[in-house]
Amino acid sequence: MKLTNTWIAYLSLLIIALFFNPFQMNAQNKNDKKTFILIHGSWHSAWNWYKVTPLLEKQGHIVYSIDLPGMGRDKTPIENVRFDSTIQQLCKLIDSIPGKVILVAHSKNGIFNSQLAELRPNKIEKLIYLAAVLVANGKCAKDYFALDEKEVLGGHITYNGTISSMLLPEIYKEGLYHDCPDDITQMANIILLPESTESAKAKLKLTEGNYGNVPRYYIECTEDRAITPWLQEKMLAEMPCLKVYKIASSHSPFFSMPDKLTEIINEISKL
C-alpha cells in the first residue's frame, strides 16, 4: 500500500505520542525539580554558594542560600546567637516551604543538617554533607575537631572569650582556598566574620527513628586541609551514608569547581 503524505504525517504523530508523551515528559521534568537549602560553613555566609546557586536554578531547582544568624547580611548580635534558636529559625524556613527539601551543609555546619533531620524528618528528602561534620548522637563538632592532627586551621583561630571565634586571614589561601582563584581569597578578606562558638560545642540529640530515617549522602574533598580526608573517613566509618562521592578539591569546591560540585548535588537529588 502506498502511503500518502497525510498517512505519513499521521503515523509520525502516533509514534511521537506513543514514545515521547509530552505530558509524561513534563511530569518527569517536574519531579526532577527539587528545593534546596544551602547551609554555609564557619565564618562564611550565603556567599559560599554564589557560583552554585545559579547553576542549580538554571536546571529549574528552587534554591535557598541562607545567612545563618549573625553571619553575612544577618545582623543578629553575635552574643545573642544560640544553637537552639538557630535550629528553630531553620525549622520555620523548612515549614514555610511546600513539599520536601534537600539540605546541603558545609564544614562544621553539617551539625545543622543532622539536628534538623531529627526535628523535621518528614519534611527533609535528603541530607548532603559537603566536607562536613557528621556526628553521632550525644557528640559535638568540637569532639571531632580535636582528633584531626593534620588540619591547618586550628593554630590560626582567635577567640573573643567564650563568645566568638575568628579565622586569621593569613591562613585563608592555604587552609581554605588553595585551588581557588586568587580573587576568592581577596573577597574572603572582606566577607568573613567572627562566628558564635556555641554551635561547635552543642551536643546533638539524634534518634534512629527520626534522623536515621532520612537518607544521607557525603561529598568528600580529598585535598581538604581544614577537615582532612582522614577525619572525613573517620566520621563516615562511625556514621555511614548511603553513598559517598569524592571530589579532588580543597575545602571549598563551590569556588574551585562549582560545575562538578553542582553535577554531584544534582545527581544525588535524583537518587
C-alpha atoms as a PDB file:
ATOM      1  CA  MET A   1       0.000   0.000   0.000  1.00  0.00           C
ATOM      2  CA  LYS A   2       1.340   3.329  -0.978  1.00  0.00           C
ATOM      3  CA  LEU A   3       1.396   5.763   1.924  1.00  0.00           C
ATOM      4  CA  THR A   4       0.239   9.274   1.237  1.00  0.00           C
ATOM      5  CA  ASN A   5       1.816  12.308   2.905  1.00  0.00           C
ATOM      6  CA  THR A   6      -1.253  12.521   5.136  1.00  0.00           C
ATOM      7  CA  TRP A   7      -0.795   8.961   6.383  1.00  0.00           C
ATOM      8  CA  ILE A   8       2.929   9.505   6.918  1.00  0.00           C
ATOM      9  CA  ALA A   9       2.188  12.592   8.993  1.00  0.00           C
ATOM     10  CA  TYR A  10      -0.443  10.702  10.971  1.00  0.00           C
ATOM     11  CA  LEU A  11       1.878   7.786  11.697  1.00  0.00           C
ATOM     12  CA  SER A  12       4.638  10.177  12.737  1.00  0.00           C
ATOM     13  CA  LEU A  13       2.340  11.841  15.257  1.00  0.00           C
ATOM     14  CA  LEU A  14       1.246   8.429  16.549  1.00  0.00           C
ATOM     15  CA  ILE A  15       4.860   7.367  17.116  1.00  0.00           C
ATOM     16  CA  ILE A  16       5.599  10.613  18.953  1.00  0.00           C
ATOM     17  CA  ALA A  17       2.515  10.125  21.126  1.00  0.00           C
ATOM     18  CA  LEU A  18       3.465   6.535  21.967  1.00  0.00           C
ATOM     19  CA  PHE A  19       7.131   7.016  22.731  1.00  0.00           C
ATOM     20  CA  PHE A  20       7.521  10.683  23.566  1.00  0.00           C
ATOM     21  CA  ASN A  21       4.404  11.568  25.508  1.00  0.00           C
ATOM     22  CA  PRO A  22       4.856  15.289  26.283  1.00  0.00           C
ATOM     23  CA  PHE A  23       2.603  15.089  29.318  1.00  0.00           C
ATOM     24  CA  GLN A  24       4.686  12.247  30.731  1.00  0.00           C
ATOM     25  CA  MET A  25       7.886  14.164  29.994  1.00  0.00           C
ATOM     26  CA  ASN A  26       6.524  17.283  31.703  1.00  0.00           C
ATOM     27  CA  ALA A  27       5.539  15.218  34.740  1.00  0.00           C
ATOM     28  CA  GLN A  28       9.009  13.667  34.831  1.00  0.00           C
ATOM     29  CA  ASN A  29      10.690  17.051  34.492  1.00  0.00           C
ATOM     30  CA  LYS A  30       8.501  18.432  37.257  1.00  0.00           C
ATOM     31  CA  ASN A  31       9.507  15.549  39.535  1.00  0.00           C
ATOM     32  CA  ASP A  32      13.162  16.284  38.813  1.00  0.00           C
ATOM     33  CA  LYS A  33      12.844  19.804  40.203  1.00  0.00           C
ATOM     34  CA  LYS A  34      13.906  19.995  43.829  1.00  0.00           C
ATOM     35  CA  THR A  35      14.067  22.567  46.595  1.00  0.00           C
ATOM     36  CA  PHE A  36      17.480  23.027  48.195  1.00  0.00           C
ATOM     37  CA  ILE A  37      18.527  24.815  51.363  1.00  0.00           C
ATOM     38  CA  LEU A  38      22.258  25.535  51.227  1.00  0.00           C
ATOM     39  CA  ILE A  39      23.946  25.969  54.623  1.00  0.00           C
ATOM     40  CA  HIS A  40      27.364  27.634  54.671  1.00  0.00           C
ATOM     41  CA  GLY A  41      30.293  26.774  56.917  1.00  0.00           C
ATOM     42  CA  SER A  42      32.131  28.557  59.732  1.00  0.00           C
ATOM     43  CA  TRP A  43      32.876  32.294  59.386  1.00  0.00           C
ATOM     44  CA  HIS A  44      31.243  32.318  55.955  1.00  0.00           C
ATOM     45  CA  SER A  45      27.807  33.252  54.650  1.00  0.00           C
ATOM     46  CA  ALA A  46      25.481  32.673  51.698  1.00  0.00           C
ATOM     47  CA  TRP A  47      28.427  33.969  49.653  1.00  0.00           C
ATOM     48  CA  ASN A  48      29.738  30.387  49.699  1.00  0.00           C
ATOM     49  CA  TRP A  49      27.120  29.434  47.156  1.00  0.00           C
ATOM     50  CA  TYR A  50      27.167  32.342  44.713  1.00  0.00           C
ATOM     51  CA  LYS A  51      28.541  30.136  41.923  1.00  0.00           C
ATOM     52  CA  VAL A  52      26.486  27.029  42.700  1.00  0.00           C
ATOM     53  CA  THR A  53      23.097  28.693  43.235  1.00  0.00           C
ATOM     54  CA  PRO A  54      22.625  29.942  39.643  1.00  0.00           C
ATOM     55  CA  LEU A  55      23.790  26.574  38.278  1.00  0.00           C
ATOM     56  CA  LEU A  56      21.110  24.752  40.273  1.00  0.00           C
ATOM     57  CA  GLU A  57      18.487  27.351  39.403  1.00  0.00           C
ATOM     58  CA  LYS A  58      19.346  27.039  35.724  1.00  0.00           C
ATOM     59  CA  GLN A  59      18.260  23.403  35.984  1.00  0.00           C
ATOM     60  CA  GLY A  60      14.895  24.504  37.368  1.00  0.00           C
ATOM     61  CA  HIS A  61      15.548  23.880  41.050  1.00  0.00           C
ATOM     62  CA  ILE A  62      14.455  26.228  43.839  1.00  0.00           C
ATOM     63  CA  VAL A  63      17.418  27.292  45.978  1.00  0.00           C
ATOM     64  CA  TYR A  64      17.588  28.997  49.359  1.00  0.00           C
ATOM     65  CA  SER A  65      21.150  30.195  50.040  1.00  0.00           C
ATOM     66  CA  ILE A  66      20.892  31.392  53.610  1.00  0.00           C
ATOM     67  CA  ASP A  67      22.905  33.524  56.010  1.00  0.00           C
ATOM     68  CA  LEU A  68      22.928  31.871  59.417  1.00  0.00           C
ATOM     69  CA  PRO A  69      22.216  34.150  62.409  1.00  0.00           C
ATOM     70  CA  GLY A  70      24.999  36.672  62.947  1.00  0.00           C
ATOM     71  CA  MET A  71      26.626  35.913  59.604  1.00  0.00           C
ATOM     72  CA  GLY A  72      26.618  37.702  56.256  1.00  0.00           C
ATOM     73  CA  ARG A  73      23.642  40.032  55.956  1.00  0.00           C
ATOM     74  CA  ASP A  74      22.014  38.730  59.134  1.00  0.00           C
ATOM     75  CA  LYS A  75      22.545  41.337  61.837  1.00  0.00           C
ATOM     76  CA  THR A  76      21.827  39.252  64.928  1.00  0.00           C
ATOM     77  CA  PRO A  77      24.404  40.334  67.544  1.00  0.00           C
ATOM     78  CA  ILE A  78      26.936  37.536  67.844  1.00  0.00           C
ATOM     79  CA  GLU A  79      26.475  37.359  71.623  1.00  0.00           C
ATOM     80  CA  ASN A  80      22.779  36.536  71.018  1.00  0.00           C
ATOM     81  CA  VAL A  81      23.388  33.669  68.602  1.00  0.00           C
ATOM     82  CA  ARG A  82      22.376  30.320  70.077  1.00  0.00           C
ATOM     83  CA  PHE A  83      22.375  26.834  68.590  1.00  0.00           C
ATOM     84  CA  ASP A  84      18.784  26.078  69.636  1.00  0.00           C
ATOM     85  CA  SER A  85      17.376  29.358  68.321  1.00  0.00           C
ATOM     86  CA  THR A  86      19.247  28.887  65.036  1.00  0.00           C
ATOM     87  CA  ILE A  87      17.694  25.426  64.704  1.00  0.00           C
ATOM     88  CA  GLN A  88      14.233  26.854  65.368  1.00  0.00           C
ATOM     89  CA  GLN A  89      14.760  29.580  62.770  1.00  0.00           C
ATOM     90  CA  LEU A  90      15.765  26.961  60.200  1.00  0.00           C
ATOM     91  CA  CYS A  91      12.747  24.832  61.135  1.00  0.00           C
ATOM     92  CA  LYS A  92      10.484  27.802  60.406  1.00  0.00           C
ATOM     93  CA  LEU A  93      12.065  28.173  56.998  1.00  0.00           C
ATOM     94  CA  ILE A  94      11.585  24.469  56.251  1.00  0.00           C
ATOM     95  CA  ASP A  95       7.966  24.612  57.447  1.00  0.00           C
ATOM     96  CA  SER A  96       7.260  27.598  55.174  1.00  0.00           C
ATOM     97  CA  ILE A  97       8.311  25.714  52.038  1.00  0.00           C
ATOM     98  CA  PRO A  98       5.733  23.493  50.276  1.00  0.00           C
ATOM     99  CA  GLY A  99       6.789  19.875  49.970  1.00  0.00           C
ATOM    100  CA  LYS A 100      10.123  18.385  50.950  1.00  0.00           C
ATOM    101  CA  VAL A 101      13.560  19.988  50.876  1.00  0.00           C
ATOM    102  CA  ILE A 102      17.116  18.778  50.370  1.00  0.00           C
ATOM    103  CA  LEU A 103      19.643  20.163  52.842  1.00  0.00           C
ATOM    104  CA  VAL A 104      23.235  20.757  51.735  1.00  0.00           C
ATOM    105  CA  ALA A 105      25.602  21.704  54.565  1.00  0.00           C
ATOM    106  CA  HIS A 106      29.290  22.540  54.507  1.00  0.00           C
ATOM    107  CA  SER A 107      32.032  22.073  57.085  1.00  0.00           C
ATOM    108  CA  LYS A 108      31.208  22.446  60.773  1.00  0.00           C
ATOM    109  CA  ASN A 109      27.609  23.299  59.989  1.00  0.00           C
ATOM    110  CA  GLY A 110      26.840  19.750  58.987  1.00  0.00           C
ATOM    111  CA  ILE A 111      25.573  19.674  62.570  1.00  0.00           C
ATOM    112  CA  PHE A 112      22.525  21.661  61.436  1.00  0.00           C
ATOM    113  CA  ASN A 113      21.757  19.051  58.773  1.00  0.00           C
ATOM    114  CA  SER A 114      21.685  16.366  61.421  1.00  0.00           C
ATOM    115  CA  GLN A 115      19.655  18.160  64.083  1.00  0.00           C
ATOM    116  CA  LEU A 116      17.116  19.433  61.554  1.00  0.00           C
ATOM    117  CA  ALA A 117      16.594  15.906  60.244  1.00  0.00           C
ATOM    118  CA  GLU A 118      15.821  14.789  63.796  1.00  0.00           C
ATOM    119  CA  LEU A 119      13.187  17.506  64.177  1.00  0.00           C
ATOM    120  CA  ARG A 120      11.719  17.528  60.654  1.00  0.00           C
ATOM    121  CA  PRO A 121      12.241  14.017  59.238  1.00  0.00           C
ATOM    122  CA  ASN A 122       9.061  14.146  57.160  1.00  0.00           C
ATOM    123  CA  LYS A 123       9.995  17.462  55.532  1.00  0.00           C
ATOM    124  CA  ILE A 124      13.548  16.596  54.508  1.00  0.00           C
ATOM    125  CA  GLU A 125      14.023  14.431  51.426  1.00  0.00           C
ATOM    126  CA  LYS A 126      17.791  14.032  51.674  1.00  0.00           C
ATOM    127  CA  LEU A 127      20.819  15.277  53.572  1.00  0.00           C
ATOM    128  CA  ILE A 128      24.001  16.167  51.703  1.00  0.00           C
ATOM    129  CA  TYR A 129      27.171  16.714  53.737  1.00  0.00           C
ATOM    130  CA  LEU A 130      29.931  18.578  51.894  1.00  0.00           C
ATOM    131  CA  ALA A 131      33.266  18.020  53.669  1.00  0.00           C
ATOM    132  CA  ALA A 132      31.042  18.439  56.685  1.00  0.00           C
ATOM    133  CA  VAL A 133      30.947  17.364  60.292  1.00  0.00           C
ATOM    134  CA  LEU A 134      28.929  14.169  60.619  1.00  0.00           C
ATOM    135  CA  VAL A 135      28.484  13.484  64.308  1.00  0.00           C
ATOM    136  CA  ALA A 136      26.887  10.697  66.311  1.00  0.00           C
ATOM    137  CA  ASN A 137      24.177  11.150  68.919  1.00  0.00           C
ATOM    138  CA  GLY A 138      25.434  12.890  72.053  1.00  0.00           C
ATOM    139  CA  LYS A 139      28.549  14.286  70.405  1.00  0.00           C
ATOM    140  CA  CYS A 140      29.508  17.731  69.133  1.00  0.00           C
ATOM    141  CA  ALA A 141      31.646  19.134  66.333  1.00  0.00           C
ATOM    142  CA  LYS A 142      34.413  20.041  68.769  1.00  0.00           C
ATOM    143  CA  ASP A 143      34.795  16.376  69.738  1.00  0.00           C
ATOM    144  CA  TYR A 144      35.828  15.571  66.180  1.00  0.00           C
ATOM    145  CA  PHE A 145      37.977  18.631  65.531  1.00  0.00           C
ATOM    146  CA  ALA A 146      40.139  17.625  68.490  1.00  0.00           C
ATOM    147  CA  LEU A 147      41.015  14.366  66.720  1.00  0.00           C
ATOM    148  CA  ASP A 148      42.331  15.906  63.497  1.00  0.00           C
ATOM    149  CA  GLU A 149      46.091  16.351  63.909  1.00  0.00           C
ATOM    150  CA  LYS A 150      46.783  17.281  60.278  1.00  0.00           C
ATOM    151  CA  GLU A 151      44.341  20.144  59.796  1.00  0.00           C
ATOM    152  CA  VAL A 152      45.958  23.569  59.372  1.00  0.00           C
ATOM    153  CA  LEU A 153      43.342  25.995  60.708  1.00  0.00           C
ATOM    154  CA  GLY A 154      43.493  25.429  64.467  1.00  0.00           C
ATOM    155  CA  GLY A 155      46.613  27.463  65.141  1.00  0.00           C
ATOM    156  CA  HIS A 156      45.166  30.443  63.281  1.00  0.00           C
ATOM    157  CA  ILE A 157      41.888  30.883  65.167  1.00  0.00           C
ATOM    158  CA  THR A 158      41.455  33.707  67.670  1.00  0.00           C
ATOM    159  CA  TYR A 159      38.766  33.832  70.356  1.00  0.00           C
ATOM    160  CA  ASN A 160      36.739  36.574  71.982  1.00  0.00           C
ATOM    161  CA  GLY A 161      36.395  34.857  75.337  1.00  0.00           C
ATOM    162  CA  THR A 162      33.741  32.155  75.016  1.00  0.00           C
ATOM    163  CA  ILE A 163      31.534  34.234  72.703  1.00  0.00           C
ATOM    164  CA  SER A 164      33.043  34.034  69.243  1.00  0.00           C
ATOM    165  CA  SER A 165      35.942  32.850  67.124  1.00  0.00           C
ATOM    166  CA  MET A 166      37.608  34.237  64.019  1.00  0.00           C
ATOM    167  CA  LEU A 167      39.930  32.692  61.471  1.00  0.00           C
ATOM    168  CA  LEU A 168      43.012  34.796  60.707  1.00  0.00           C
ATOM    169  CA  PRO A 169      43.378  35.888  57.052  1.00  0.00           C
ATOM    170  CA  GLU A 170      46.952  34.570  56.929  1.00  0.00           C
ATOM    171  CA  ILE A 171      45.600  31.007  56.581  1.00  0.00           C
ATOM    172  CA  TYR A 172      42.736  31.632  54.165  1.00  0.00           C
ATOM    173  CA  LYS A 173      44.565  30.640  50.997  1.00  0.00           C
ATOM    174  CA  GLU A 174      46.440  27.618  52.351  1.00  0.00           C
ATOM    175  CA  GLY A 175      43.679  26.333  54.582  1.00  0.00           C
ATOM    176  CA  LEU A 176      40.517  27.002  52.610  1.00  0.00           C
ATOM    177  CA  TYR A 177      41.166  28.076  49.037  1.00  0.00           C
ATOM    178  CA  HIS A 178      44.469  26.647  47.811  1.00  0.00           C
ATOM    179  CA  ASP A 179      42.925  25.579  44.474  1.00  0.00           C
ATOM    180  CA  CYS A 180      40.617  28.587  44.108  1.00  0.00           C
ATOM    181  CA  PRO A 181      41.125  31.771  42.064  1.00  0.00           C
ATOM    182  CA  ASP A 182      43.026  34.469  43.959  1.00  0.00           C
ATOM    183  CA  ASP A 183      40.017  36.784  43.943  1.00  0.00           C
ATOM    184  CA  ILE A 184      38.236  34.373  46.309  1.00  0.00           C
ATOM    185  CA  THR A 185      40.870  34.978  48.977  1.00  0.00           C
ATOM    186  CA  GLN A 186      40.638  38.707  48.347  1.00  0.00           C
ATOM    187  CA  MET A 187      36.869  38.637  48.797  1.00  0.00           C
ATOM    188  CA  ALA A 188      37.202  36.477  51.913  1.00  0.00           C
ATOM    189  CA  ASN A 189      39.339  39.211  53.486  1.00  0.00           C
ATOM    190  CA  ILE A 190      36.264  41.430  53.311  1.00  0.00           C
ATOM    191  CA  ILE A 191      33.400  38.975  53.800  1.00  0.00           C
ATOM    192  CA  LEU A 192      34.417  36.525  56.532  1.00  0.00           C
ATOM    193  CA  LEU A 193      33.167  37.366  60.028  1.00  0.00           C
ATOM    194  CA  PRO A 194      33.542  36.103  63.605  1.00  0.00           C
ATOM    195  CA  GLU A 195      31.037  33.376  64.475  1.00  0.00           C
ATOM    196  CA  SER A 196      29.486  32.176  67.695  1.00  0.00           C
ATOM    197  CA  THR A 197      31.430  29.394  69.405  1.00  0.00           C
ATOM    198  CA  GLU A 198      28.325  27.800  70.905  1.00  0.00           C
ATOM    199  CA  SER A 199      27.306  25.619  67.953  1.00  0.00           C
ATOM    200  CA  ALA A 200      30.660  23.801  67.884  1.00  0.00           C
ATOM    201  CA  LYS A 201      30.033  22.697  71.480  1.00  0.00           C
ATOM    202  CA  ALA A 202      26.360  21.745  71.067  1.00  0.00           C
ATOM    203  CA  LYS A 203      25.699  18.065  71.753  1.00  0.00           C
ATOM    204  CA  LEU A 204      23.342  16.669  69.118  1.00  0.00           C
ATOM    205  CA  LYS A 205      20.250  14.695  70.055  1.00  0.00           C
ATOM    206  CA  LEU A 206      19.651  12.144  67.301  1.00  0.00           C
ATOM    207  CA  THR A 207      17.491   9.027  67.056  1.00  0.00           C
ATOM    208  CA  GLU A 208      17.280   6.234  64.519  1.00  0.00           C
ATOM    209  CA  GLY A 209      13.532   6.749  64.256  1.00  0.00           C
ATOM    210  CA  ASN A 210      13.864  10.336  63.033  1.00  0.00           C
ATOM    211  CA  TYR A 211      17.341  11.304  61.872  1.00  0.00           C
ATOM    212  CA  GLY A 212      18.159   7.722  60.977  1.00  0.00           C
ATOM    213  CA  ASN A 213      15.264   7.555  58.515  1.00  0.00           C
ATOM    214  CA  VAL A 214      16.416  10.496  56.391  1.00  0.00           C
ATOM    215  CA  PRO A 215      18.720   9.399  53.526  1.00  0.00           C
ATOM    216  CA  ARG A 216      22.158  10.943  53.868  1.00  0.00           C
ATOM    217  CA  TYR A 217      24.953  11.366  51.333  1.00  0.00           C
ATOM    218  CA  TYR A 218      28.515  12.622  51.692  1.00  0.00           C
ATOM    219  CA  ILE A 219      30.800  14.562  49.349  1.00  0.00           C
ATOM    220  CA  GLU A 220      34.390  14.094  50.467  1.00  0.00           C
ATOM    221  CA  CYS A 221      37.002  16.667  49.480  1.00  0.00           C
ATOM    222  CA  THR A 222      40.181  14.649  49.036  1.00  0.00           C
ATOM    223  CA  GLU A 223      42.590  17.622  49.180  1.00  0.00           C
ATOM    224  CA  ASP A 224      40.932  19.252  52.177  1.00  0.00           C
ATOM    225  CA  ARG A 225      43.271  20.851  54.718  1.00  0.00           C
ATOM    226  CA  ALA A 226      40.554  22.137  57.067  1.00  0.00           C
ATOM    227  CA  ILE A 227      38.581  18.940  57.673  1.00  0.00           C
ATOM    228  CA  THR A 228      41.090  16.447  56.365  1.00  0.00           C
ATOM    229  CA  PRO A 229      40.202  13.304  54.410  1.00  0.00           C
ATOM    230  CA  TRP A 230      41.348  11.309  57.450  1.00  0.00           C
ATOM    231  CA  LEU A 231      38.694  12.915  59.637  1.00  0.00           C
ATOM    232  CA  GLN A 232      36.048  12.709  56.930  1.00  0.00           C
ATOM    233  CA  GLU A 233      36.706   8.974  56.592  1.00  0.00           C
ATOM    234  CA  LYS A 234      36.627   8.503  60.369  1.00  0.00           C
ATOM    235  CA  MET A 235      33.233  10.193  60.630  1.00  0.00           C
ATOM    236  CA  LEU A 236      31.893   8.132  57.741  1.00  0.00           C
ATOM    237  CA  ALA A 237      33.033   4.929  59.422  1.00  0.00           C
ATOM    238  CA  GLU A 238      31.083   5.922  62.521  1.00  0.00           C
ATOM    239  CA  MET A 239      28.055   7.336  60.691  1.00  0.00           C
ATOM    240  CA  PRO A 240      27.793   5.623  57.285  1.00  0.00           C
ATOM    241  CA  CYS A 241      25.996   7.316  54.398  1.00  0.00           C
ATOM    242  CA  LEU A 242      24.086   5.726  51.533  1.00  0.00           C
ATOM    243  CA  LYS A 243      26.689   6.896  49.042  1.00  0.00           C
ATOM    244  CA  VAL A 244      29.983   8.772  49.252  1.00  0.00           C
ATOM    245  CA  TYR A 245      31.271  10.930  46.414  1.00  0.00           C
ATOM    246  CA  LYS A 246      34.880  12.057  46.205  1.00  0.00           C
ATOM    247  CA  ILE A 247      35.960  15.336  44.675  1.00  0.00           C
ATOM    248  CA  ALA A 248      39.637  16.282  44.288  1.00  0.00           C
ATOM    249  CA  SER A 249      39.356  19.730  45.798  1.00  0.00           C
ATOM    250  CA  SER A 250      40.206  21.914  48.750  1.00  0.00           C
ATOM    251  CA  HIS A 251      37.677  22.665  51.472  1.00  0.00           C
ATOM    252  CA  SER A 252      35.879  24.987  49.022  1.00  0.00           C
ATOM    253  CA  PRO A 253      34.779  23.173  45.841  1.00  0.00           C
ATOM    254  CA  PHE A 254      31.887  25.616  45.477  1.00  0.00           C
ATOM    255  CA  PHE A 255      34.573  28.120  44.453  1.00  0.00           C
ATOM    256  CA  SER A 256      37.186  25.907  42.777  1.00  0.00           C
ATOM    257  CA  MET A 257      34.960  23.540  40.794  1.00  0.00           C
ATOM    258  CA  PRO A 258      31.324  24.666  41.045  1.00  0.00           C
ATOM    259  CA  ASP A 259      30.245  22.809  37.901  1.00  0.00           C
ATOM    260  CA  LYS A 260      31.497  19.466  39.190  1.00  0.00           C
ATOM    261  CA  LEU A 261      30.005  20.061  42.617  1.00  0.00           C
ATOM    262  CA  THR A 262      26.644  21.042  41.121  1.00  0.00           C
ATOM    263  CA  GLU A 263      26.712  17.922  38.954  1.00  0.00           C
ATOM    264  CA  ILE A 264      27.145  15.742  42.047  1.00  0.00           C
ATOM    265  CA  ILE A 265      24.431  17.571  44.014  1.00  0.00           C
ATOM    266  CA  ASN A 266      22.062  17.228  41.077  1.00  0.00           C
ATOM    267  CA  GLU A 267      22.854  13.515  40.764  1.00  0.00           C
ATOM    268  CA  ILE A 268      22.145  12.936  44.448  1.00  0.00           C
ATOM    269  CA  SER A 269      18.843  14.779  44.119  1.00  0.00           C
ATOM    270  CA  LYS A 270      17.680  12.189  41.566  1.00  0.00           C
ATOM    271  CA  LEU A 271      18.566   9.118  43.637  1.00  0.00           C
END
